[in-house]
Protein backbone atom coordinates (compact mmCIF):
# COMPACT_ATOMS: atom_id res chain seq x y z
CA MET A 1 -1.03 -58.94 101.16
CA THR A 2 -3.00 -55.70 101.09
CA THR A 3 -2.67 -52.90 98.54
CA THR A 4 -3.81 -49.32 99.15
CA VAL A 5 -5.27 -47.44 96.19
CA THR A 6 -5.73 -43.68 96.55
CA VAL A 7 -8.51 -42.26 94.38
CA LYS A 8 -8.42 -38.49 93.76
CA ALA A 9 -11.45 -36.94 92.08
CA ASN A 10 -9.59 -33.92 90.71
CA HIS A 11 -11.51 -32.64 87.69
CA GLY A 12 -15.08 -32.01 88.75
CA TRP A 13 -16.53 -35.52 88.42
CA PRO A 14 -17.23 -37.99 91.22
CA VAL A 15 -15.41 -41.32 91.04
CA LYS A 16 -16.96 -44.66 92.01
CA ALA A 17 -14.82 -47.50 93.38
CA THR A 18 -16.34 -50.96 93.54
CA GLY A 19 -14.78 -54.04 95.11
CA VAL A 20 -15.36 -57.26 93.16
CA LYS A 21 -14.42 -60.88 93.77
CA VAL A 22 -11.40 -62.09 91.80
CA GLY A 23 -12.37 -64.32 88.88
CA THR A 24 -16.15 -63.89 89.10
CA MET A 25 -16.34 -60.07 89.15
CA GLU A 26 -19.22 -60.46 91.63
CA PRO A 27 -19.65 -57.19 93.55
CA THR A 28 -18.71 -57.13 97.22
CA ASN A 29 -20.06 -54.76 99.86
CA TYR A 30 -16.84 -52.75 99.64
CA GLY A 31 -16.40 -49.45 97.80
CA GLY A 32 -17.81 -45.97 97.63
CA VAL A 33 -18.00 -42.68 95.77
CA VAL A 34 -15.27 -40.04 96.01
CA GLN A 35 -16.75 -36.58 95.55
CA PRO A 36 -15.11 -33.97 93.26
CA GLY A 37 -12.12 -32.32 94.91
CA GLU A 38 -11.72 -35.11 97.47
CA GLN A 39 -9.56 -38.19 97.79
CA ARG A 40 -10.03 -41.50 99.58
CA ASP A 41 -7.97 -44.62 100.16
CA PHE A 42 -9.35 -48.05 99.30
CA HIS A 43 -7.72 -51.33 100.33
CA CYS A 44 -7.54 -54.47 98.18
CA HIS A 45 -6.44 -57.94 99.22
CA SER A 46 -5.76 -61.22 97.46
CA THR A 47 -9.44 -62.16 96.93
CA MET A 48 -10.67 -58.76 95.70
CA ASP A 49 -10.15 -56.45 92.73
CA LEU A 50 -11.13 -52.79 92.63
CA ILE A 51 -12.96 -51.21 89.70
CA VAL A 52 -12.55 -47.42 89.50
CA HIS A 53 -14.99 -45.46 87.32
CA GLU A 54 -15.24 -41.71 86.73
CA ILE A 55 -18.96 -40.91 86.78
CA GLN A 56 -19.85 -38.86 83.72
CA PRO A 57 -22.46 -36.06 83.71
CA GLU A 58 -24.88 -38.06 81.57
CA GLU A 59 -24.81 -40.86 84.16
CA THR A 60 -25.76 -38.55 87.03
CA ASN A 61 -28.56 -36.89 85.03
CA ALA A 62 -30.05 -40.13 83.71
CA ASN A 63 -33.70 -40.69 84.55
CA PRO A 64 -34.58 -44.27 85.50
CA SER A 65 -37.27 -45.75 83.25
């Protein structure tokens, strides 16, 4: 079975969707970033979960050390 998840980045922040393996939470190669004001469909199946995270301003302005 496949489930479609629509992510809408409505309020000025980008949203990151990351596919992970069920049980282990190991990242897959599936996912992406939805830019503010846009929407995108993601598809999950029985061996994958989807983590959705609203990227906060302090995360985008962070300097790597």
